[in-house]
PDB file of N, CA and C in Angstrom:
ATOM      1  N   MET A   1       0.831  -1.181   0.000  1.00  0.00           N
ATOM      2  CA  MET A   1       0.000   0.000   0.000  1.00  0.00           C
ATOM      3  C   MET A   1       0.876   1.246   0.000  1.00  0.00           C
ATOM      4  N   ASN A   2       0.413   2.279  -0.622  1.00  0.00           N
ATOM      5  CA  ASN A   2       1.138   3.534  -0.681  1.00  0.00           C
ATOM      6  C   ASN A   2       0.384   4.574   0.138  1.00  0.00           C
ATOM      7  N   TYR A   3       0.971   4.925   1.269  1.00  0.00           N
ATOM      8  CA  TYR A   3       0.350   5.931   2.124  1.00  0.00           C
ATOM      9  C   TYR A   3       1.080   7.252   1.935  1.00  0.00           C
ATOM     10  N   GLU A   4       0.351   8.273   1.567  1.00  0.00           N
ATOM     11  CA  GLU A   4       0.957   9.597   1.457  1.00  0.00           C
ATOM     12  C   GLU A   4       0.881  10.268   2.816  1.00  0.00           C
ATOM     13  N   ARG A   5       1.998  10.860   3.207  1.00  0.00           N
ATOM     14  CA  ARG A   5       2.048  11.559   4.485  1.00  0.00           C
ATOM     15  C   ARG A   5       2.246  13.035   4.220  1.00  0.00           C
ATOM     16  N   ASN A   6       1.658  13.834   5.055  1.00  0.00           N
ATOM     17  CA  ASN A   6       1.726  15.278   4.913  1.00  0.00           C
ATOM     18  C   ASN A   6       2.407  15.851   6.161  1.00  0.00           C
ATOM     19  N   ILE A   7       3.747  15.642   6.265  1.00  0.00           N
ATOM     20  CA  ILE A   7       4.495  16.092   7.428  1.00  0.00           C
ATOM     21  C   ILE A   7       4.711  17.604   7.345  1.00  0.00           C
ATOM     22  N   MET A   8       4.364  18.291   8.418  1.00  0.00           N
ATOM     23  CA  MET A   8       4.524  19.746   8.462  1.00  0.00           C
ATOM     24  C   MET A   8       4.568  20.205   9.911  1.00  0.00           C
ATOM     25  N   ASN A   9       4.904  21.471  10.114  1.00  0.00           N
ATOM     26  CA  ASN A   9       4.830  22.068  11.446  1.00  0.00           C
ATOM     27  C   ASN A   9       3.367  22.246  11.816  1.00  0.00           C
ATOM     28  N   VAL A  10       2.993  21.695  12.942  1.00  0.00           N
ATOM     29  CA  VAL A  10       1.629  21.831  13.439  1.00  0.00           C
ATOM     30  C   VAL A  10       1.703  22.473  14.822  1.00  0.00           C
ATOM     31  N   LEU A  11       0.954  23.536  15.017  1.00  0.00           N
ATOM     32  CA  LEU A  11       0.866  24.193  16.317  1.00  0.00           C
ATOM     33  C   LEU A  11      -0.312  23.579  17.062  1.00  0.00           C
ATOM     34  N   ILE A  12      -0.037  23.004  18.216  1.00  0.00           N
ATOM     35  CA  ILE A  12      -1.096  22.374  19.004  1.00  0.00           C
ATOM     36  C   ILE A  12      -1.309  23.190  20.271  1.00  0.00           C
ATOM     37  N   ASN A  13      -2.526  23.661  20.479  1.00  0.00           N
ATOM     38  CA  ASN A  13      -2.901  24.344  21.708  1.00  0.00           C
ATOM     39  C   ASN A  13      -3.588  23.316  22.591  1.00  0.00           C
ATOM     40  N   ILE A  14      -3.080  23.160  23.795  1.00  0.00           N
ATOM     41  CA  ILE A  14      -3.592  22.151  24.729  1.00  0.00           C
ATOM     42  C   ILE A  14      -4.158  22.859  25.950  1.00  0.00           C
ATOM     43  N   THR A  15      -5.360  22.470  26.346  1.00  0.00           N
ATOM     44  CA  THR A  15      -5.977  22.986  27.567  1.00  0.00           C
ATOM     45  C   THR A  15      -6.155  21.822  28.524  1.00  0.00           C
ATOM     46  N   TRP A  16      -5.655  21.991  29.759  1.00  0.00           N
ATOM     47  CA  TRP A  16      -5.755  20.936  30.764  1.00  0.00           C
ATOM     48  C   TRP A  16      -6.001  21.563  32.130  1.00  0.00           C
ATOM     49  N   GLN A  17      -7.164  21.324  32.694  1.00  0.00           N
ATOM     50  CA  GLN A  17      -7.525  21.756  34.046  1.00  0.00           C
ATOM     51  C   GLN A  17      -7.125  23.209  34.328  1.00  0.00           C
ATOM     52  N   GLY A  18      -7.566  24.111  33.492  1.00  0.00           N
ATOM     53  CA  GLY A  18      -7.318  25.531  33.681  1.00  0.00           C
ATOM     54  C   GLY A  18      -5.954  25.998  33.207  1.00  0.00           C
ATOM     55  N   GLN A  19      -5.139  25.088  32.742  1.00  0.00           N
ATOM     56  CA  GLN A  19      -3.822  25.429  32.210  1.00  0.00           C
ATOM     57  C   GLN A  19      -3.884  25.352  30.690  1.00  0.00           C
ATOM     58  N   SER A  20      -3.077  26.167  30.029  1.00  0.00           N
ATOM     59  CA  SER A  20      -3.071  26.160  28.574  1.00  0.00           C
ATOM     60  C   SER A  20      -1.651  26.383  28.077  1.00  0.00           C
ATOM     61  N   GLY A  21      -1.305  25.672  27.018  1.00  0.00           N
ATOM     62  CA  GLY A  21       0.024  25.832  26.448  1.00  0.00           C
ATOM     63  C   GLY A  21       0.035  25.463  24.984  1.00  0.00           C
ATOM     64  N   ASN A  22       1.059  25.927  24.283  1.00  0.00           N
ATOM     65  CA  ASN A  22       1.220  25.632  22.865  1.00  0.00           C
ATOM     66  C   ASN A  22       2.427  24.734  22.654  1.00  0.00           C
ATOM     67  N   TYR A  23       2.301  23.843  21.682  1.00  0.00           N
ATOM     68  CA  TYR A  23       3.371  22.914  21.350  1.00  0.00           C
ATOM     69  C   TYR A  23       3.488  22.869  19.834  1.00  0.00           C
ATOM     70  N   LEU A  24       4.680  23.176  19.314  1.00  0.00           N
ATOM     71  CA  LEU A  24       4.928  23.134  17.881  1.00  0.00           C
ATOM     72  C   LEU A  24       5.670  21.843  17.575  1.00  0.00           C
ATOM     73  N   VAL A  25       5.115  21.067  16.655  1.00  0.00           N
ATOM     74  CA  VAL A  25       5.687  19.751  16.365  1.00  0.00           C
ATOM     75  C   VAL A  25       5.590  19.458  14.872  1.00  0.00           C
ATOM     76  N   ASN A  26       6.575  18.740  14.347  1.00  0.00           N
ATOM     77  CA  ASN A  26       6.500  18.240  12.971  1.00  0.00           C
ATOM     78  C   ASN A  26       5.741  16.927  13.009  1.00  0.00           C
ATOM     79  N   MET A  27       4.618  16.880  12.323  1.00  0.00           N
ATOM     80  CA  MET A  27       3.837  15.652  12.278  1.00  0.00           C
ATOM     81  C   MET A  27       2.937  15.658  11.054  1.00  0.00           C
ATOM     82  N   ASP A  28       2.347  14.529  10.777  1.00  0.00           N
ATOM     83  CA  ASP A  28       1.413  14.404   9.664  1.00  0.00           C
ATOM     84  C   ASP A  28       0.133  15.140  10.042  1.00  0.00           C
ATOM     85  N   ALA A  29      -0.240  16.112   9.237  1.00  0.00           N
ATOM     86  CA  ALA A  29      -1.441  16.907   9.520  1.00  0.00           C
ATOM     87  C   ALA A  29      -2.704  16.061   9.478  1.00  0.00           C
ATOM     88  N   GLY A  30      -2.616  14.874   8.894  1.00  0.00           N
ATOM     89  CA  GLY A  30      -3.765  13.978   8.828  1.00  0.00           C
ATOM     90  C   GLY A  30      -3.760  12.904   9.898  1.00  0.00           C
ATOM     91  N   SER A  31      -2.926  13.072  10.923  1.00  0.00           N
ATOM     92  CA  SER A  31      -2.852  12.080  11.998  1.00  0.00           C
ATOM     93  C   SER A  31      -4.201  11.896  12.665  1.00  0.00           C
ATOM     94  N   ASP A  32      -4.455  10.680  13.112  1.00  0.00           N
ATOM     95  CA  ASP A  32      -5.734  10.398  13.776  1.00  0.00           C
ATOM     96  C   ASP A  32      -5.721  10.973  15.196  1.00  0.00           C
ATOM     97  N   ASP A  33      -6.898  11.097  15.776  1.00  0.00           N
ATOM     98  CA  ASP A  33      -7.056  11.716  17.095  1.00  0.00           C
ATOM     99  C   ASP A  33      -6.211  11.032  18.168  1.00  0.00           C
ATOM    100  N   ASN A  34      -6.179   9.696  18.172  1.00  0.00           N
ATOM    101  CA  ASN A  34      -5.421   8.991  19.206  1.00  0.00           C
ATOM    102  C   ASN A  34      -3.931   9.291  19.122  1.00  0.00           C
ATOM    103  N   THR A  35      -3.406   9.414  17.917  1.00  0.00           N
ATOM    104  CA  THR A  35      -1.991   9.753  17.745  1.00  0.00           C
ATOM    105  C   THR A  35      -1.712  11.150  18.277  1.00  0.00           C
ATOM    106  N   ILE A  36      -2.575  12.093  17.958  1.00  0.00           N
ATOM    107  CA  ILE A  36      -2.401  13.477  18.420  1.00  0.00           C
ATOM    108  C   ILE A  36      -2.458  13.525  19.950  1.00  0.00           C
ATOM    109  N   LYS A  37      -3.393  12.836  20.539  1.00  0.00           N
ATOM    110  CA  LYS A  37      -3.521  12.817  21.999  1.00  0.00           C
ATOM    111  C   LYS A  37      -2.282  12.204  22.646  1.00  0.00           C
ATOM    112  N   ARG A  38      -1.742  11.141  22.044  1.00  0.00           N
ATOM    113  CA  ARG A  38      -0.541  10.495  22.574  1.00  0.00           C
ATOM    114  C   ARG A  38       0.660  11.436  22.492  1.00  0.00           C
ATOM    115  N   VAL A  39       0.824  12.119  21.359  1.00  0.00           N
ATOM    116  CA  VAL A  39       1.918  13.081  21.185  1.00  0.00           C
ATOM    117  C   VAL A  39       1.803  14.189  22.231  1.00  0.00           C
ATOM    118  N   CYS A  40       0.602  14.684  22.449  1.00  0.00           N
ATOM    119  CA  CYS A  40       0.387  15.746  23.433  1.00  0.00           C
ATOM    120  C   CYS A  40       0.716  15.274  24.843  1.00  0.00           C
ATOM    121  N   GLU A  41       0.266  14.091  25.187  1.00  0.00           N
ATOM    122  CA  GLU A  41       0.531  13.562  26.521  1.00  0.00           C
ATOM    123  C   GLU A  41       2.033  13.403  26.753  1.00  0.00           C
ATOM    124  N   GLU A  42       2.742  12.875  25.764  1.00  0.00           N
ATOM    125  CA  GLU A  42       4.190  12.697  25.896  1.00  0.00           C
ATOM    126  C   GLU A  42       4.903  14.048  26.013  1.00  0.00           C
ATOM    127  N   ALA A  43       4.465  15.032  25.224  1.00  0.00           N
ATOM    128  CA  ALA A  43       5.094  16.351  25.257  1.00  0.00           C
ATOM    129  C   ALA A  43       4.883  17.036  26.604  1.00  0.00           C
ATOM    130  N   VAL A  44       3.671  16.962  27.140  1.00  0.00           N
ATOM    131  CA  VAL A  44       3.387  17.587  28.438  1.00  0.00           C
ATOM    132  C   VAL A  44       4.219  16.920  29.522  1.00  0.00           C
ATOM    133  N   ARG A  45       4.229  15.589  29.545  1.00  0.00           N
ATOM    134  CA  ARG A  45       4.991  14.867  30.570  1.00  0.00           C
ATOM    135  C   ARG A  45       6.487  15.156  30.492  1.00  0.00           C
ATOM    136  N   ALA A  46       6.978  15.427  29.287  1.00  0.00           N
ATOM    137  CA  ALA A  46       8.402  15.725  29.103  1.00  0.00           C
ATOM    138  C   ALA A  46       8.729  17.179  29.438  1.00  0.00           C
ATOM    139  N   GLY A  47       7.704  17.962  29.798  1.00  0.00           N
ATOM    140  CA  GLY A  47       7.920  19.358  30.143  1.00  0.00           C
ATOM    141  C   GLY A  47       8.127  20.254  28.936  1.00  0.00           C
ATOM    142  N   GLU A  48       7.677  19.808  27.773  1.00  0.00           N
ATOM    143  CA  GLU A  48       7.877  20.549  26.532  1.00  0.00           C
ATOM    144  C   GLU A  48       6.732  21.496  26.192  1.00  0.00           C
ATOM    145  N   VAL A  49       5.725  21.575  27.066  1.00  0.00           N
ATOM    146  CA  VAL A  49       4.583  22.463  26.814  1.00  0.00           C
ATOM    147  C   VAL A  49       4.524  23.502  27.941  1.00  0.00           C
ATOM    148  N   PRO A  50       5.118  24.677  27.706  1.00  0.00           N
ATOM    149  CA  PRO A  50       5.087  25.720  28.737  1.00  0.00           C
ATOM    150  C   PRO A  50       3.643  26.074  29.099  1.00  0.00           C
ATOM    151  N   GLY A  51       3.407  26.214  30.397  1.00  0.00           N
ATOM    152  CA  GLY A  51       2.074  26.593  30.857  1.00  0.00           C
ATOM    153  C   GLY A  51       1.252  25.430  31.376  1.00  0.00           C
ATOM    154  N   ILE A  52       1.747  24.189  31.151  1.00  0.00           N
ATOM    155  CA  ILE A  52       1.027  23.013  31.648  1.00  0.00           C
ATOM    156  C   ILE A  52       1.978  22.178  32.495  1.00  0.00           C
ATOM    157  N   SER A  53       1.554  21.869  33.711  1.00  0.00           N
ATOM    158  CA  SER A  53       2.367  21.055  34.617  1.00  0.00           C
ATOM    159  C   SER A  53       2.578  19.660  34.032  1.00  0.00           C
ATOM    160  N   PRO A  54       3.803  19.146  34.103  1.00  0.00           N
ATOM    161  CA  PRO A  54       4.063  17.808  33.571  1.00  0.00           C
ATOM    162  C   PRO A  54       3.448  16.676  34.396  1.00  0.00           C
ATOM    163  N   ALA A  55       2.880  16.984  35.550  1.00  0.00           N
ATOM    164  CA  ALA A  55       2.241  15.958  36.377  1.00  0.00           C
ATOM    165  C   ALA A  55       0.873  15.626  35.773  1.00  0.00           C
ATOM    166  N   LEU A  56       0.890  14.734  34.825  1.00  0.00           N
ATOM    167  CA  LEU A  56      -0.307  14.412  34.034  1.00  0.00           C
ATOM    168  C   LEU A  56      -0.652  12.944  34.209  1.00  0.00           C
ATOM    169  N   PRO A  57      -1.903  12.608  34.506  1.00  0.00           N
ATOM    170  CA  PRO A  57      -2.253  11.194  34.629  1.00  0.00           C
ATOM    171  C   PRO A  57      -2.226  10.486  33.271  1.00  0.00           C
ATOM    172  N   LYS A  58      -2.086   9.187  33.324  1.00  0.00           N
ATOM    173  CA  LYS A  58      -2.094   8.386  32.096  1.00  0.00           C
ATOM    174  C   LYS A  58      -3.441   8.542  31.383  1.00  0.00           C
ATOM    175  N   ASN A  59      -3.385   8.657  30.066  1.00  0.00           N
ATOM    176  CA  ASN A  59      -4.581   8.822  29.223  1.00  0.00           C
ATOM    177  C   ASN A  59      -5.371  10.084  29.580  1.00  0.00           C
ATOM    178  N   ALA A  60      -4.670  11.126  29.952  1.00  0.00           N
ATOM    179  CA  ALA A  60      -5.306  12.375  30.384  1.00  0.00           C
ATOM    180  C   ALA A  60      -6.222  12.962  29.314  1.00  0.00           C
ATOM    181  N   PHE A  61      -5.885  12.768  28.047  1.00  0.00           N
ATOM    182  CA  PHE A  61      -6.657  13.382  26.964  1.00  0.00           C
ATOM    183  C   PHE A  61      -7.614  12.408  26.281  1.00  0.00           C
ATOM    184  N   ALA A  62      -7.849  11.256  26.879  1.00  0.00           N
ATOM    185  CA  ALA A  62      -8.658  10.206  26.254  1.00  0.00           C
ATOM    186  C   ALA A  62     -10.050  10.686  25.827  1.00  0.00           C
ATOM    187  N   ASN A  63     -10.695  11.504  26.629  1.00  0.00           N
ATOM    188  CA  ASN A  63     -12.051  11.960  26.313  1.00  0.00           C
ATOM    189  C   ASN A  63     -12.088  13.389  25.786  1.00  0.00           C
ATOM    190  N   PHE A  64     -10.938  13.882  25.337  1.00  0.00           N
ATOM    191  CA  PHE A  64     -10.858  15.243  24.815  1.00  0.00           C
ATOM    192  C   PHE A  64     -11.236  15.295  23.341  1.00  0.00           C
ATOM    193  N   VAL A  65     -11.548  16.490  22.895  1.00  0.00           N
ATOM    194  CA  VAL A  65     -11.921  16.756  21.508  1.00  0.00           C
ATOM    195  C   VAL A  65     -10.740  17.447  20.828  1.00  0.00           C
ATOM    196  N   ILE A  66     -10.567  17.196  19.546  1.00  0.00           N
ATOM    197  CA  ILE A  66      -9.533  17.880  18.775  1.00  0.00           C
ATOM    198  C   ILE A  66     -10.191  18.670  17.665  1.00  0.00           C
ATOM    199  N   ASP A  67     -10.023  19.978  17.738  1.00  0.00           N
ATOM    200  CA  ASP A  67     -10.487  20.860  16.663  1.00  0.00           C
ATOM    201  C   ASP A  67      -9.299  21.078  15.734  1.00  0.00           C
ATOM    202  N   ARG A  68      -9.543  20.982  14.424  1.00  0.00           N
ATOM    203  CA  ARG A  68      -8.468  21.121  13.436  1.00  0.00           C
ATOM    204  C   ARG A  68      -8.718  22.346  12.574  1.00  0.00           C
ATOM    205  N   PHE A  69      -7.674  23.139  12.426  1.00  0.00           N
ATOM    206  CA  PHE A  69      -7.749  24.335  11.595  1.00  0.00           C
ATOM    207  C   PHE A  69      -6.610  24.268  10.583  1.00  0.00           C
ATOM    208  N   HIS A  70      -6.973  24.222   9.313  1.00  0.00           N
ATOM    209  CA  HIS A  70      -5.966  24.145   8.255  1.00  0.00           C
ATOM    210  C   HIS A  70      -5.962  25.468   7.507  1.00  0.00           C
ATOM    211  N   GLY A  71      -4.845  26.103   7.495  1.00  0.00           N
ATOM    212  CA  GLY A  71      -4.686  27.391   6.825  1.00  0.00           C
ATOM    213  C   GLY A  71      -3.211  27.619   6.612  1.00  0.00           C
ATOM    214  N   GLU A  72      -2.804  28.866   6.713  1.00  0.00           N
ATOM    215  CA  GLU A  72      -1.388  29.185   6.552  1.00  0.00           C
ATOM    216  C   GLU A  72      -0.553  28.429   7.587  1.00  0.00           C
ATOM    217  N   GLN A  73      -1.046  28.319   8.813  1.00  0.00           N
ATOM    218  CA  GLN A  73      -0.412  27.529   9.870  1.00  0.00           C
ATOM    219  C   GLN A  73      -1.428  26.500  10.350  1.00  0.00           C
ATOM    220  N   THR A  74      -1.136  25.215  10.097  1.00  0.00           N
ATOM    221  CA  THR A  74      -2.038  24.167  10.585  1.00  0.00           C
ATOM    222  C   THR A  74      -2.016  24.196  12.108  1.00  0.00           C
ATOM    223  N   ARG A  75      -3.209  24.136  12.697  1.00  0.00           N
ATOM    224  CA  ARG A  75      -3.337  24.257  14.146  1.00  0.00           C
ATOM    225  C   ARG A  75      -4.372  23.268  14.650  1.00  0.00           C
ATOM    226  N   PHE A  76      -4.038  22.594  15.726  1.00  0.00           N
ATOM    227  CA  PHE A  76      -4.981  21.714  16.410  1.00  0.00           C
ATOM    228  C   PHE A  76      -5.232  22.303  17.793  1.00  0.00           C
ATOM    229  N   VAL A  77      -6.461  22.160  18.269  1.00  0.00           N
ATOM    230  CA  VAL A  77      -6.803  22.563  19.632  1.00  0.00           C
ATOM    231  C   VAL A  77      -7.296  21.313  20.351  1.00  0.00           C
ATOM    232  N   VAL A  78      -6.581  20.933  21.397  1.00  0.00           N
ATOM    233  CA  VAL A  78      -6.934  19.755  22.200  1.00  0.00           C
ATOM    234  C   VAL A  78      -7.595  20.293  23.457  1.00  0.00           C
ATOM    235  N   ARG A  79      -8.871  19.937  23.635  1.00  0.00           N
ATOM    236  CA  ARG A  79      -9.644  20.532  24.731  1.00  0.00           C
ATOM    237  C   ARG A  79     -10.647  19.524  25.272  1.00  0.00           C
ATOM    238  N   PRO A  80     -11.140  19.766  26.491  1.00  0.00           N
ATOM    239  CA  PRO A  80     -12.164  18.883  27.048  1.00  0.00           C
ATOM    240  C   PRO A  80     -13.484  19.062  26.301  1.00  0.00           C
ATOM    241  N   LYS A  81     -14.269  18.011  26.296  1.00  0.00           N
ATOM    242  CA  LYS A  81     -15.621  18.126  25.752  1.00  0.00           C
ATOM    243  C   LYS A  81     -16.406  19.053  26.651  1.00  0.00           C
ATOM    244  N   VAL A  82     -17.361  19.747  26.053  1.00  0.00           N
ATOM    245  CA  VAL A  82     -18.219  20.637  26.834  1.00  0.00           C
ATOM    246  C   VAL A  82     -19.626  20.068  26.888  1.00  0.00           C
ATOM    247  N   PRO A  83     -20.383  20.336  27.947  1.00  0.00           N
ATOM    248  CA  PRO A  83     -21.704  19.726  28.101  1.00  0.00           C
ATOM    249  C   PRO A  83     -22.755  20.257  27.118  1.00  0.00           C
ATOM    250  N   PHE A  84     -22.485  21.370  26.453  1.00  0.00           N
ATOM    251  CA  PHE A  84     -23.516  21.975  25.599  1.00  0.00           C
ATOM    252  C   PHE A  84     -23.235  21.799  24.114  1.00  0.00           C
ATOM    253  N   GLY A  85     -22.459  20.818  23.751  1.00  0.00           N
ATOM    254  CA  GLY A  85     -22.160  20.570  22.326  1.00  0.00           C
ATOM    255  C   GLY A  85     -20.846  19.851  22.203  1.00  0.00           C
ATOM    256  N   SER A  86     -20.296  19.868  21.000  1.00  0.00           N
ATOM    257  CA  SER A  86     -19.018  19.177  20.799  1.00  0.00           C
ATOM    258  C   SER A  86     -17.934  20.188  20.927  1.00  0.00           C
TER     259      SER A  86
END
């Protein structure tokens, strides 16, 4: 099989328990949600996301939503689900 990958700089904004931080990473812009959540969890735990404490429980982002914005700068927003919509 031939899989095309679209590796680029992606800015990820992560919100966790009142904390927020940005993480710039080279990754496939078409990555699935679980991959993005895993990358975010590893980055936070490694202390690579300023503004978010690295003391993060396992699978912290399991029930989070990922909003994707494709434009001049591809951007993902990793955030908790809200009770009044997605």
